[in-house]
Amino acid sequence: MPLKPIAYVMEQTLGSITHYLNLRRDESASQEPLPRWLPIEFEHGRLPWTVTGSLRARRALGDVLSEIDGIFMHTTTIAPLSVDYFSKKPTVLSTDATPLNKRDMRAAYGLRPEGRVAERAKQLAYTQLFTRASAIVAWSEWTKRSFVEHYGCTEDSVVVIPPGVDLEQFRVGDRDHELPRVLFVGGDFIRKGGDLLLDVYHRHLKGRVELLLVTKADVPEEPGVRVFRNLQANSPELLELFRTADIFVLPTRADCYSLVCMEALASGLPVVTTRVGGIPDIIQDGKTGHLVDADDGDALAAALKGLCDDPARRREMSIASRAAAVARFDGRENARRLFEFVRSRC
């Protein structure tokens, strides 16, 4: 019997949009027949997105269930209302973090803390969801540990496959500048630590660097600070900023993973960021960048000043960053691994 496609149900929020677009670009790395793409568009509404997104995912799957061999769902947020389909079609779930991974980040994302009863009920519901899946793709070892320790998933049912970047688009460029260029990319300016970065700039780095801020926030420009708004992912303007910067900084207070940190590595940039979520899986502290604690302005300043004052160290880290990206975050290679793993479980 000929193979049928696998339905790739893809949540369209934040970095998941970039992940979806990258997989679509590299779909030729999958076996025939090509994936059946089911993007689930995000929309604010009266109901929580877990409910709305799950309903949309369920409807989309219901329309194609007889035409597919299996299901891949990214993220687990849109999966709960399709759990009965798992017994009809083998299903692989994918995510950058579990609900318990995100527990301590709720405030930074503007969410209220959950009560103990609600949290326990959610854990039981997600345990059923996760253990009924054929397999799970976690973006980091941090996330895999949570699936195994908190939800009872077996070690061999959870594979770590990080998303990747286009190594042809993100590459090392010309960096002959009078002052080092420090690049920050973060739409959610406060959660990503942009306010802390500005404070560190004013207290320690003013006149010593050129600060480039890519954000949606209404941050005023000033001498030494340039602001770029509404740049799209993978746009020529954004790619040029990555190619010509000297250092990438993301003092984020809450992140499960970081696609922009991988893009910075691929661009051969030393990365200064924080020890939150799965980010320590991306950055090799002291080799491809520096990891500091969230909200530690003194440590952030020291890491940036050290790199700004040492061009040789920046060049050494640049070479290591690009090599790490080639070895671990090649978008086409990681897409091939993902497609092959999903087909093997479906």
C-alpha atoms as a PDB file:
ATOM      1  CA  MET A   1       0.000   0.000   0.000  1.00  0.00           C
ATOM      2  CA  PRO A   2       1.470   3.393  -0.974  1.00  0.00           C
ATOM      3  CA  LEU A   3       2.440   5.788   1.760  1.00  0.00           C
ATOM      4  CA  LYS A   4       0.130   8.661   2.629  1.00  0.00           C
ATOM      5  CA  PRO A   5       1.352  12.066   3.796  1.00  0.00           C
ATOM      6  CA  ILE A   6       1.902  12.927   7.441  1.00  0.00           C
ATOM      7  CA  ALA A   7      -0.055  15.957   8.632  1.00  0.00           C
ATOM      8  CA  TYR A   8       2.178  18.640  10.146  1.00  0.00           C
ATOM      9  CA  VAL A   9      -0.033  20.731  12.417  1.00  0.00           C
ATOM     10  CA  MET A  10       1.948  23.890  13.149  1.00  0.00           C
ATOM     11  CA  GLU A  11       1.037  26.563  15.686  1.00  0.00           C
ATOM     12  CA  GLN A  12       1.601  30.062  14.295  1.00  0.00           C
ATOM     13  CA  THR A  13       2.941  32.037  17.257  1.00  0.00           C
ATOM     14  CA  LEU A  14       6.285  33.715  18.006  1.00  0.00           C
ATOM     15  CA  GLY A  15       9.308  31.553  17.122  1.00  0.00           C
ATOM     16  CA  SER A  16       7.044  28.701  16.035  1.00  0.00           C
ATOM     17  CA  ILE A  17       6.250  30.689  12.891  1.00  0.00           C
ATOM     18  CA  THR A  18       9.935  30.784  11.959  1.00  0.00           C
ATOM     19  CA  HIS A  19      10.234  27.056  12.716  1.00  0.00           C
ATOM     20  CA  TYR A  20       7.272  26.343  10.429  1.00  0.00           C
ATOM     21  CA  LEU A  21       8.683  28.471   7.596  1.00  0.00           C
ATOM     22  CA  ASN A  22      12.087  26.807   7.908  1.00  0.00           C
ATOM     23  CA  LEU A  23      10.559  23.316   7.754  1.00  0.00           C
ATOM     24  CA  ARG A  24       8.470  24.318   4.733  1.00  0.00           C
ATOM     25  CA  ARG A  25      11.620  25.552   3.031  1.00  0.00           C
ATOM     26  CA  ASP A  26      13.373  22.227   3.674  1.00  0.00           C
ATOM     27  CA  GLU A  27      10.438  19.880   3.048  1.00  0.00           C
ATOM     28  CA  SER A  28      12.301  18.267   0.157  1.00  0.00           C
ATOM     29  CA  ALA A  29      14.469  16.631   2.847  1.00  0.00           C
ATOM     30  CA  SER A  30      11.445  14.479   3.779  1.00  0.00           C
ATOM     31  CA  GLN A  31      10.434  11.239   2.124  1.00  0.00           C
ATOM     32  CA  GLU A  32       7.699  11.165  -0.488  1.00  0.00           C
ATOM     33  CA  PRO A  33       4.895  11.992  -0.202  1.00  0.00           C
ATOM     34  CA  LEU A  34       5.638  15.501   1.037  1.00  0.00           C
ATOM     35  CA  PRO A  35       4.102  16.660   4.340  1.00  0.00           C
ATOM     36  CA  ARG A  36       0.511  17.859   4.500  1.00  0.00           C
ATOM     37  CA  TRP A  37       0.879  21.281   6.142  1.00  0.00           C
ATOM     38  CA  LEU A  38      -1.828  22.498   8.510  1.00  0.00           C
ATOM     39  CA  PRO A  39      -0.796  25.900   9.945  1.00  0.00           C
ATOM     40  CA  ILE A  40      -2.975  26.967  12.896  1.00  0.00           C
ATOM     41  CA  GLU A  41      -3.209  30.760  12.912  1.00  0.00           C
ATOM     42  CA  PHE A  42      -3.118  32.477  16.289  1.00  0.00           C
ATOM     43  CA  GLU A  43      -5.948  34.790  17.293  1.00  0.00           C
ATOM     44  CA  HIS A  44      -6.698  36.639  20.509  1.00  0.00           C
ATOM     45  CA  GLY A  45     -10.150  35.815  21.839  1.00  0.00           C
ATOM     46  CA  ARG A  46     -12.277  35.431  24.915  1.00  0.00           C
ATOM     47  CA  LEU A  47     -11.213  31.831  25.407  1.00  0.00           C
ATOM     48  CA  PRO A  48      -7.627  30.783  26.245  1.00  0.00           C
ATOM     49  CA  TRP A  49      -5.491  29.994  23.208  1.00  0.00           C
ATOM     50  CA  THR A  50      -5.101  26.415  24.472  1.00  0.00           C
ATOM     51  CA  VAL A  51      -8.826  25.979  23.882  1.00  0.00           C
ATOM     52  CA  THR A  52      -9.147  28.010  20.685  1.00  0.00           C
ATOM     53  CA  GLY A  53      -5.983  26.641  19.118  1.00  0.00           C
ATOM     54  CA  SER A  54      -6.871  23.072  20.070  1.00  0.00           C
ATOM     55  CA  LEU A  55     -10.312  23.431  18.489  1.00  0.00           C
ATOM     56  CA  ARG A  56      -8.793  24.760  15.274  1.00  0.00           C
ATOM     57  CA  ALA A  57      -6.210  21.971  15.193  1.00  0.00           C
ATOM     58  CA  ARG A  58      -8.906  19.350  15.754  1.00  0.00           C
ATOM     59  CA  ARG A  59     -11.072  20.716  12.932  1.00  0.00           C
ATOM     60  CA  ALA A  60      -8.108  20.841  10.552  1.00  0.00           C
ATOM     61  CA  LEU A  61      -7.153  17.246  11.370  1.00  0.00           C
ATOM     62  CA  GLY A  62     -10.734  16.014  11.111  1.00  0.00           C
ATOM     63  CA  ASP A  63     -10.852  17.209   7.500  1.00  0.00           C
ATOM     64  CA  VAL A  64      -7.817  15.126   6.469  1.00  0.00           C
ATOM     65  CA  LEU A  65      -7.743  12.200   8.904  1.00  0.00           C
ATOM     66  CA  SER A  66      -8.591   9.583   6.274  1.00  0.00           C
ATOM     67  CA  GLU A  67      -5.930  10.953   3.915  1.00  0.00           C
ATOM     68  CA  ILE A  68      -2.873  10.744   6.205  1.00  0.00           C
ATOM     69  CA  ASP A  69      -0.619   8.106   7.792  1.00  0.00           C
ATOM     70  CA  GLY A  70       0.188  10.039  10.941  1.00  0.00           C
ATOM     71  CA  ILE A  71       0.246  13.355  12.774  1.00  0.00           C
ATOM     72  CA  PHE A  72       3.002  15.738  13.873  1.00  0.00           C
ATOM     73  CA  MET A  73       1.910  18.585  16.171  1.00  0.00           C
ATOM     74  CA  HIS A  74       3.959  21.629  17.114  1.00  0.00           C
ATOM     75  CA  THR A  75       3.299  22.819  19.774  1.00  0.00           C
ATOM     76  CA  THR A  76       1.655  20.808  22.543  1.00  0.00           C
ATOM     77  CA  THR A  77      -0.499  23.878  23.302  1.00  0.00           C
ATOM     78  CA  ILE A  78      -2.778  23.039  20.362  1.00  0.00           C
ATOM     79  CA  ALA A  79      -2.847  19.269  21.000  1.00  0.00           C
ATOM     80  CA  PRO A  80      -5.173  18.563  23.984  1.00  0.00           C
ATOM     81  CA  LEU A  81      -8.503  18.390  22.139  1.00  0.00           C
ATOM     82  CA  SER A  82      -7.133  15.996  19.519  1.00  0.00           C
ATOM     83  CA  VAL A  83      -6.012  13.324  21.993  1.00  0.00           C
ATOM     84  CA  ASP A  84      -8.685  10.850  20.817  1.00  0.00           C
ATOM     85  CA  TYR A  85      -7.125  10.998  17.333  1.00  0.00           C
ATOM     86  CA  PHE A  86      -3.912   9.534  18.774  1.00  0.00           C
ATOM     87  CA  SER A  87      -5.514   6.080  18.806  1.00  0.00           C
ATOM     88  CA  LYS A  88      -6.515   6.471  15.152  1.00  0.00           C
ATOM     89  CA  LYS A  89      -3.252   7.860  13.789  1.00  0.00           C
ATOM     90  CA  PRO A  90       0.204   7.615  15.377  1.00  0.00           C
ATOM     91  CA  THR A  91       1.094  11.080  16.645  1.00  0.00           C
ATOM     92  CA  VAL A  92       4.400  12.803  17.384  1.00  0.00           C
ATOM     93  CA  LEU A  93       4.258  15.901  19.584  1.00  0.00           C
ATOM     94  CA  SER A  94       6.846  18.676  19.480  1.00  0.00           C
ATOM     95  CA  THR A  95       7.608  21.577  21.807  1.00  0.00           C
ATOM     96  CA  ASP A  96      10.265  23.873  23.215  1.00  0.00           C
ATOM     97  CA  ALA A  97       9.016  23.355  26.798  1.00  0.00           C
ATOM     98  CA  THR A  98       6.513  21.495  28.962  1.00  0.00           C
ATOM     99  CA  PRO A  99       3.872  23.289  31.054  1.00  0.00           C
ATOM    100  CA  LEU A 100       5.963  22.682  34.182  1.00  0.00           C
ATOM    101  CA  ASN A 101       9.040  24.044  32.406  1.00  0.00           C
ATOM    102  CA  LYS A 102       7.092  27.260  31.951  1.00  0.00           C
ATOM    103  CA  ARG A 103       5.689  27.460  35.495  1.00  0.00           C
ATOM    104  CA  ASP A 104       8.273  29.903  36.816  1.00  0.00           C
ATOM    105  CA  MET A 105       8.100  32.032  33.664  1.00  0.00           C
ATOM    106  CA  ARG A 106       4.389  32.834  33.799  1.00  0.00           C
ATOM    107  CA  ALA A 107       4.825  36.290  35.326  1.00  0.00           C
ATOM    108  CA  ALA A 108       7.356  37.334  32.671  1.00  0.00           C
ATOM    109  CA  TYR A 109       4.869  36.296  29.983  1.00  0.00           C
ATOM    110  CA  GLY A 110       2.114  38.340  31.636  1.00  0.00           C
ATOM    111  CA  LEU A 111       0.248  35.303  33.016  1.00  0.00           C
ATOM    112  CA  ARG A 112      -1.140  34.903  36.514  1.00  0.00           C
ATOM    113  CA  PRO A 113       0.243  32.163  38.751  1.00  0.00           C
ATOM    114  CA  GLU A 114      -1.815  28.991  38.892  1.00  0.00           C
ATOM    115  CA  GLY A 115      -3.174  27.546  42.108  1.00  0.00           C
ATOM    116  CA  ARG A 116      -1.944  24.186  43.336  1.00  0.00           C
ATOM    117  CA  VAL A 117      -5.182  22.399  42.425  1.00  0.00           C
ATOM    118  CA  ALA A 118      -5.273  23.834  38.913  1.00  0.00           C
ATOM    119  CA  GLU A 119      -1.618  23.036  38.380  1.00  0.00           C
ATOM    120  CA  ARG A 120      -2.088  19.460  39.536  1.00  0.00           C
ATOM    121  CA  ALA A 121      -5.134  18.973  37.288  1.00  0.00           C
ATOM    122  CA  LYS A 122      -3.186  20.335  34.330  1.00  0.00           C
ATOM    123  CA  GLN A 123      -0.272  18.021  35.049  1.00  0.00           C
ATOM    124  CA  LEU A 124      -2.558  14.974  35.113  1.00  0.00           C
ATOM    125  CA  ALA A 125      -4.230  16.003  31.847  1.00  0.00           C
ATOM    126  CA  TYR A 126      -0.923  16.617  30.097  1.00  0.00           C
ATOM    127  CA  THR A 127       0.540  13.378  31.455  1.00  0.00           C
ATOM    128  CA  GLN A 128      -2.268  11.517  29.712  1.00  0.00           C
ATOM    129  CA  LEU A 129      -1.707  13.531  26.535  1.00  0.00           C
ATOM    130  CA  PHE A 130       2.062  13.026  26.439  1.00  0.00           C
ATOM    131  CA  THR A 131       2.098   9.337  27.317  1.00  0.00           C
ATOM    132  CA  ARG A 132      -0.510   8.556  24.641  1.00  0.00           C
ATOM    133  CA  ALA A 133       1.638  10.083  21.898  1.00  0.00           C
ATOM    134  CA  SER A 134       3.831   7.772  19.824  1.00  0.00           C
ATOM    135  CA  ALA A 135       6.849   9.961  20.521  1.00  0.00           C
ATOM    136  CA  ILE A 136       7.871  13.492  21.447  1.00  0.00           C
ATOM    137  CA  VAL A 137      10.381  15.878  19.900  1.00  0.00           C
ATOM    138  CA  ALA A 138      11.949  18.202  22.496  1.00  0.00           C
ATOM    139  CA  TRP A 139      14.038  21.162  21.446  1.00  0.00           C
ATOM    140  CA  SER A 140      16.469  20.838  24.369  1.00  0.00           C
ATOM    141  CA  GLU A 141      17.741  18.456  27.035  1.00  0.00           C
ATOM    142  CA  TRP A 142      16.076  20.773  29.591  1.00  0.00           C
ATOM    143  CA  THR A 143      12.708  20.010  28.013  1.00  0.00           C
ATOM    144  CA  LYS A 144      13.384  16.283  27.654  1.00  0.00           C
ATOM    145  CA  ARG A 145      14.219  16.018  31.361  1.00  0.00           C
ATOM    146  CA  SER A 146      10.841  17.512  32.225  1.00  0.00           C
ATOM    147  CA  PHE A 147       8.952  15.044  30.012  1.00  0.00           C
ATOM    148  CA  VAL A 148      10.712  12.137  31.703  1.00  0.00           C
ATOM    149  CA  GLU A 149      10.792  13.402  35.312  1.00  0.00           C
ATOM    150  CA  HIS A 150       7.460  15.245  35.522  1.00  0.00           C
ATOM    151  CA  TYR A 151       5.191  13.391  33.088  1.00  0.00           C
ATOM    152  CA  GLY A 152       6.375   9.785  33.141  1.00  0.00           C
ATOM    153  CA  CYS A 153       7.536   9.612  29.512  1.00  0.00           C
ATOM    154  CA  THR A 154      10.212   7.029  28.764  1.00  0.00           C
ATOM    155  CA  GLU A 155      13.716   8.084  27.785  1.00  0.00           C
ATOM    156  CA  ASP A 156      13.471   6.457  24.359  1.00  0.00           C
ATOM    157  CA  SER A 157      10.121   8.066  23.542  1.00  0.00           C
ATOM    158  CA  VAL A 158      11.586  11.598  23.720  1.00  0.00           C
ATOM    159  CA  VAL A 159      14.217  12.696  21.204  1.00  0.00           C
ATOM    160  CA  VAL A 160      16.042  16.023  21.249  1.00  0.00           C
ATOM    161  CA  ILE A 161      16.055  17.676  17.813  1.00  0.00           C
ATOM    162  CA  PRO A 162      16.560  21.436  17.973  1.00  0.00           C
ATOM    163  CA  PRO A 163      15.242  23.653  15.210  1.00  0.00           C
ATOM    164  CA  GLY A 164      17.866  24.869  12.791  1.00  0.00           C
ATOM    165  CA  VAL A 165      18.805  27.917  10.775  1.00  0.00           C
ATOM    166  CA  ASP A 166      19.669  28.490   7.138  1.00  0.00           C
ATOM    167  CA  LEU A 167      23.457  28.513   7.157  1.00  0.00           C
ATOM    168  CA  GLU A 168      23.522  30.130   3.723  1.00  0.00           C
ATOM    169  CA  GLN A 169      21.425  33.077   4.869  1.00  0.00           C
ATOM    170  CA  PHE A 170      23.080  33.564   8.252  1.00  0.00           C
ATOM    171  CA  ARG A 171      26.816  33.860   7.742  1.00  0.00           C
ATOM    172  CA  VAL A 172      29.840  35.875   8.785  1.00  0.00           C
ATOM    173  CA  GLY A 173      30.160  39.313   7.175  1.00  0.00           C
ATOM    174  CA  ASP A 174      32.404  42.397   7.215  1.00  0.00           C
ATOM    175  CA  ARG A 175      33.118  43.650  10.741  1.00  0.00           C
ATOM    176  CA  ASP A 176      35.584  46.497  10.301  1.00  0.00           C
ATOM    177  CA  HIS A 177      34.001  49.114  12.586  1.00  0.00           C
ATOM    178  CA  GLU A 178      35.390  51.999  14.575  1.00  0.00           C
ATOM    179  CA  LEU A 179      33.274  50.914  17.573  1.00  0.00           C
ATOM    180  CA  PRO A 180      32.060  47.357  18.218  1.00  0.00           C
ATOM    181  CA  ARG A 181      28.441  46.833  17.175  1.00  0.00           C
ATOM    182  CA  VAL A 182      26.289  45.116  19.798  1.00  0.00           C
ATOM    183  CA  LEU A 183      23.063  43.629  18.392  1.00  0.00           C
ATOM    184  CA  PHE A 184      19.866  42.920  20.361  1.00  0.00           C
ATOM    185  CA  VAL A 185      16.802  41.274  18.761  1.00  0.00           C
ATOM    186  CA  GLY A 186      13.650  41.042  20.854  1.00  0.00           C
ATOM    187  CA  GLY A 187      10.094  42.046  20.046  1.00  0.00           C
ATOM    188  CA  ASP A 188       8.993  41.747  23.687  1.00  0.00           C
ATOM    189  CA  PHE A 189      11.480  44.348  24.897  1.00  0.00           C
ATOM    190  CA  ILE A 190      11.010  43.991  28.666  1.00  0.00           C
ATOM    191  CA  ARG A 191      10.799  40.182  28.813  1.00  0.00           C
ATOM    192  CA  LYS A 192      13.889  39.950  26.625  1.00  0.00           C
ATOM    193  CA  GLY A 193      15.790  42.247  29.002  1.00  0.00           C
ATOM    194  CA  GLY A 194      16.052  45.225  26.675  1.00  0.00           C
ATOM    195  CA  ASP A 195      15.485  47.684  29.520  1.00  0.00           C
ATOM    196  CA  LEU A 196      18.369  46.142  31.490  1.00  0.00           C
ATOM    197  CA  LEU A 197      20.591  46.309  28.418  1.00  0.00           C
ATOM    198  CA  LEU A 198      19.848  50.015  27.963  1.00  0.00           C
ATOM    199  CA  ASP A 199      20.684  50.652  31.617  1.00  0.00           C
ATOM    200  CA  VAL A 200      23.979  48.779  31.255  1.00  0.00           C
ATOM    201  CA  TYR A 201      24.726  50.736  28.082  1.00  0.00           C
ATOM    202  CA  HIS A 202      24.152  54.100  29.781  1.00  0.00           C
ATOM    203  CA  ARG A 203      26.193  53.178  32.869  1.00  0.00           C
ATOM    204  CA  HIS A 204      29.076  51.260  31.296  1.00  0.00           C
ATOM    205  CA  LEU A 205      29.183  51.244  27.495  1.00  0.00           C
ATOM    206  CA  LYS A 206      28.141  54.661  26.220  1.00  0.00           C
ATOM    207  CA  GLY A 207      30.728  55.956  23.766  1.00  0.00           C
ATOM    208  CA  ARG A 208      32.429  52.548  23.662  1.00  0.00           C
ATOM    209  CA  VAL A 209      29.956  50.617  21.454  1.00  0.00           C
ATOM    210  CA  GLU A 210      27.204  51.127  18.912  1.00  0.00           C
ATOM    211  CA  LEU A 211      24.009  49.513  20.198  1.00  0.00           C
ATOM    212  CA  LEU A 212      21.601  48.112  17.582  1.00  0.00           C
ATOM    213  CA  LEU A 213      18.105  47.320  18.880  1.00  0.00           C
ATOM    214  CA  VAL A 214      15.654  45.286  16.790  1.00  0.00           C
ATOM    215  CA  THR A 215      12.302  45.466  18.569  1.00  0.00           C
ATOM    216  CA  LYS A 216       8.649  46.386  18.233  1.00  0.00           C
ATOM    217  CA  ALA A 217       8.833  48.516  21.370  1.00  0.00           C
ATOM    218  CA  ASP A 218       8.686  52.310  21.275  1.00  0.00           C
ATOM    219  CA  VAL A 219      12.316  52.856  22.241  1.00  0.00           C
ATOM    220  CA  PRO A 220      13.753  56.260  21.249  1.00  0.00           C
ATOM    221  CA  GLU A 221      16.981  56.504  19.323  1.00  0.00           C
ATOM    222  CA  GLU A 222      19.876  58.473  20.758  1.00  0.00           C
ATOM    223  CA  PRO A 223      23.537  58.975  19.897  1.00  0.00           C
ATOM    224  CA  GLY A 224      25.092  55.514  19.894  1.00  0.00           C
ATOM    225  CA  VAL A 225      21.722  53.710  19.896  1.00  0.00           C
ATOM    226  CA  ARG A 226      19.952  52.765  16.648  1.00  0.00           C
ATOM    227  CA  VAL A 227      16.469  51.234  16.686  1.00  0.00           C
ATOM    228  CA  PHE A 228      15.043  48.995  13.937  1.00  0.00           C
ATOM    229  CA  ARG A 229      11.310  48.296  14.086  1.00  0.00           C
ATOM    230  CA  ASN A 230       9.081  45.810  12.278  1.00  0.00           C
ATOM    231  CA  LEU A 231      11.867  43.809  10.652  1.00  0.00           C
ATOM    232  CA  GLN A 232      10.581  40.451   9.479  1.00  0.00           C
ATOM    233  CA  ALA A 233      12.259  37.126  10.232  1.00  0.00           C
ATOM    234  CA  ASN A 234      14.944  36.278   7.655  1.00  0.00           C
ATOM    235  CA  SER A 235      14.487  39.671   5.941  1.00  0.00           C
ATOM    236  CA  PRO A 236      17.497  41.103   4.067  1.00  0.00           C
ATOM    237  CA  GLU A 237      17.679  43.989   6.550  1.00  0.00           C
ATOM    238  CA  LEU A 238      17.808  41.678   9.554  1.00  0.00           C
ATOM    239  CA  LEU A 239      20.311  39.339   7.903  1.00  0.00           C
ATOM    240  CA  GLU A 240      22.579  42.313   7.219  1.00  0.00           C
ATOM    241  CA  LEU A 241      22.483  43.338  10.886  1.00  0.00           C
ATOM    242  CA  PHE A 242      23.523  39.837  11.931  1.00  0.00           C
ATOM    243  CA  ARG A 243      26.314  39.757   9.332  1.00  0.00           C
ATOM    244  CA  THR A 244      27.810  43.117  10.324  1.00  0.00           C
ATOM    245  CA  ALA A 245      27.420  43.084  14.128  1.00  0.00           C
ATOM    246  CA  ASP A 246      30.319  42.173  16.422  1.00  0.00           C
ATOM    247  CA  ILE A 247      28.455  40.820  19.469  1.00  0.00           C
ATOM    248  CA  PHE A 248      24.932  39.521  20.037  1.00  0.00           C
ATOM    249  CA  VAL A 249      23.240  40.130  23.380  1.00  0.00           C
ATOM    250  CA  LEU A 250      19.958  38.771  24.756  1.00  0.00           C
ATOM    251  CA  PRO A 251      19.599  39.354  28.524  1.00  0.00           C
ATOM    252  CA  THR A 252      16.240  37.593  28.510  1.00  0.00           C
ATOM    253  CA  ARG A 253      14.257  37.042  31.698  1.00  0.00           C
ATOM    254  CA  ALA A 254      12.116  34.223  30.290  1.00  0.00           C
ATOM    255  CA  ASP A 255      12.663  32.032  27.242  1.00  0.00           C
ATOM    256  CA  CYS A 256      12.181  28.347  26.655  1.00  0.00           C
ATOM    257  CA  TYR A 257      14.631  28.326  23.760  1.00  0.00           C
ATOM    258  CA  SER A 258      16.080  30.949  21.437  1.00  0.00           C
ATOM    259  CA  LEU A 259      16.090  30.851  17.662  1.00  0.00           C
ATOM    260  CA  VAL A 260      17.836  34.235  17.528  1.00  0.00           C
ATOM    261  CA  CYS A 261      20.754  32.868  19.565  1.00  0.00           C
ATOM    262  CA  MET A 262      21.187  30.117  16.964  1.00  0.00           C
ATOM    263  CA  GLU A 263      21.007  32.707  14.186  1.00  0.00           C
ATOM    264  CA  ALA A 264      23.701  34.702  15.982  1.00  0.00           C
ATOM    265  CA  LEU A 265      25.940  31.628  16.226  1.00  0.00           C
ATOM    266  CA  ALA A 266      25.460  30.941  12.523  1.00  0.00           C
ATOM    267  CA  SER A 267      26.492  34.560  11.863  1.00  0.00           C
ATOM    268  CA  GLY A 268      29.703  33.961  13.803  1.00  0.00           C
ATOM    269  CA  LEU A 269      28.770  36.204  16.720  1.00  0.00           C
ATOM    270  CA  PRO A 270      29.846  35.790  20.337  1.00  0.00           C
ATOM    271  CA  VAL A 271      26.578  35.562  22.285  1.00  0.00           C
ATOM    272  CA  VAL A 272      25.971  37.100  25.704  1.00  0.00           C
ATOM    273  CA  THR A 273      22.720  35.780  27.157  1.00  0.00           C
ATOM    274  CA  THR A 274      21.146  34.331  30.296  1.00  0.00           C
ATOM    275  CA  ARG A 275      20.876  30.944  32.000  1.00  0.00           C
ATOM    276  CA  VAL A 276      17.145  30.508  31.453  1.00  0.00           C
ATOM    277  CA  GLY A 277      15.162  27.644  29.963  1.00  0.00           C
ATOM    278  CA  GLY A 278      16.961  25.634  27.310  1.00  0.00           C
ATOM    279  CA  ILE A 279      19.394  28.409  26.356  1.00  0.00           C
ATOM    280  CA  PRO A 280      22.363  26.713  28.125  1.00  0.00           C
ATOM    281  CA  ASP A 281      21.888  23.910  25.565  1.00  0.00           C
ATOM    282  CA  ILE A 282      22.726  26.432  22.817  1.00  0.00           C
ATOM    283  CA  ILE A 283      25.620  28.491  24.184  1.00  0.00           C
ATOM    284  CA  GLN A 284      28.921  26.998  25.377  1.00  0.00           C
ATOM    285  CA  ASP A 285      29.863  29.361  28.194  1.00  0.00           C
ATOM    286  CA  GLY A 286      33.347  30.774  27.618  1.00  0.00           C
ATOM    287  CA  LYS A 287      33.644  29.274  24.131  1.00  0.00           C
ATOM    288  CA  THR A 288      30.811  30.597  21.947  1.00  0.00           C
ATOM    289  CA  GLY A 289      29.709  33.307  24.364  1.00  0.00           C
ATOM    290  CA  HIS A 290      28.921  34.068  27.977  1.00  0.00           C
ATOM    291  CA  LEU A 291      25.975  33.005  30.154  1.00  0.00           C
ATOM    292  CA  VAL A 292      24.921  35.299  32.998  1.00  0.00           C
ATOM    293  CA  ASP A 293      22.067  35.183  35.483  1.00  0.00           C
ATOM    294  CA  ALA A 294      18.864  36.986  34.543  1.00  0.00           C
ATOM    295  CA  ASP A 295      18.685  40.572  35.844  1.00  0.00           C
ATOM    296  CA  ASP A 296      22.370  40.566  36.822  1.00  0.00           C
ATOM    297  CA  GLY A 297      23.380  43.899  35.329  1.00  0.00           C
ATOM    298  CA  ASP A 298      26.911  43.783  36.716  1.00  0.00           C
ATOM    299  CA  ALA A 299      27.630  40.396  35.148  1.00  0.00           C
ATOM    300  CA  LEU A 300      26.051  41.522  31.862  1.00  0.00           C
ATOM    301  CA  ALA A 301      28.233  44.655  31.843  1.00  0.00           C
ATOM    302  CA  ALA A 302      31.391  42.675  32.632  1.00  0.00           C
ATOM    303  CA  ALA A 303      30.748  40.157  29.833  1.00  0.00           C
ATOM    304  CA  LEU A 304      30.056  42.868  27.262  1.00  0.00           C
ATOM    305  CA  LYS A 305      32.983  45.060  28.305  1.00  0.00           C
ATOM    306  CA  GLY A 306      35.329  42.090  28.197  1.00  0.00           C
ATOM    307  CA  LEU A 307      34.355  41.286  24.608  1.00  0.00           C
ATOM    308  CA  CYS A 308      34.283  44.916  23.479  1.00  0.00           C
ATOM    309  CA  ASP A 309      37.816  45.471  24.749  1.00  0.00           C
ATOM    310  CA  ASP A 310      39.288  42.270  23.270  1.00  0.00           C
ATOM    311  CA  PRO A 311      39.005  41.996  19.449  1.00  0.00           C
ATOM    312  CA  ALA A 312      41.151  38.851  19.433  1.00  0.00           C
ATOM    313  CA  ARG A 313      38.762  37.143  21.844  1.00  0.00           C
ATOM    314  CA  ARG A 314      35.816  38.178  19.682  1.00  0.00           C
ATOM    315  CA  ARG A 315      37.468  36.648  16.612  1.00  0.00           C
ATOM    316  CA  GLU A 316      38.211  33.424  18.505  1.00  0.00           C
ATOM    317  CA  MET A 317      34.585  33.158  19.671  1.00  0.00           C
ATOM    318  CA  SER A 318      33.329  34.043  16.199  1.00  0.00           C
ATOM    319  CA  ILE A 319      35.092  31.020  14.716  1.00  0.00           C
ATOM    320  CA  ALA A 320      33.781  28.762  17.511  1.00  0.00           C
ATOM    321  CA  SER A 321      30.230  30.104  17.142  1.00  0.00           C
ATOM    322  CA  ARG A 322      30.051  29.438  13.424  1.00  0.00           C
ATOM    323  CA  ALA A 323      31.524  25.958  13.902  1.00  0.00           C
ATOM    324  CA  ALA A 324      28.927  25.171  16.594  1.00  0.00           C
ATOM    325  CA  ALA A 325      26.107  26.290  14.303  1.00  0.00           C
ATOM    326  CA  VAL A 326      27.373  24.150  11.439  1.00  0.00           C
ATOM    327  CA  ALA A 327      27.733  21.115  13.711  1.00  0.00           C
ATOM    328  CA  ARG A 328      24.448  21.392  15.642  1.00  0.00           C
ATOM    329  CA  PHE A 329      22.015  23.843  14.041  1.00  0.00           C
ATOM    330  CA  ASP A 330      22.133  23.250  10.295  1.00  0.00           C
ATOM    331  CA  GLY A 331      18.487  23.813   9.369  1.00  0.00           C
ATOM    332  CA  ARG A 332      18.405  21.381   6.463  1.00  0.00           C
ATOM    333  CA  GLU A 333      20.147  18.617   8.407  1.00  0.00           C
ATOM    334  CA  ASN A 334      17.916  19.040  11.459  1.00  0.00           C
ATOM    335  CA  ALA A 335      14.825  19.115   9.253  1.00  0.00           C
ATOM    336  CA  ARG A 336      15.953  15.848   7.651  1.00  0.00           C
ATOM    337  CA  ARG A 337      16.420  14.303  11.111  1.00  0.00           C
ATOM    338  CA  LEU A 338      12.979  15.489  12.164  1.00  0.00           C
ATOM    339  CA  PHE A 339      11.206  14.213   9.054  1.00  0.00           C
ATOM    340  CA  GLU A 340      12.957  10.847   9.305  1.00  0.00           C
ATOM    341  CA  PHE A 341      12.145  10.470  13.001  1.00  0.00           C
ATOM    342  CA  VAL A 342       8.486  11.357  12.511  1.00  0.00           C
ATOM    343  CA  ARG A 343       8.108   8.907   9.618  1.00  0.00           C
ATOM    344  CA  SER A 344       9.795   6.174  11.707  1.00  0.00           C
ATOM    345  CA  ARG A 345       7.175   6.643  14.450  1.00  0.00           C
ATOM    346  CA  CYS A 346       4.196   7.025  12.117  1.00  0.00           C
END
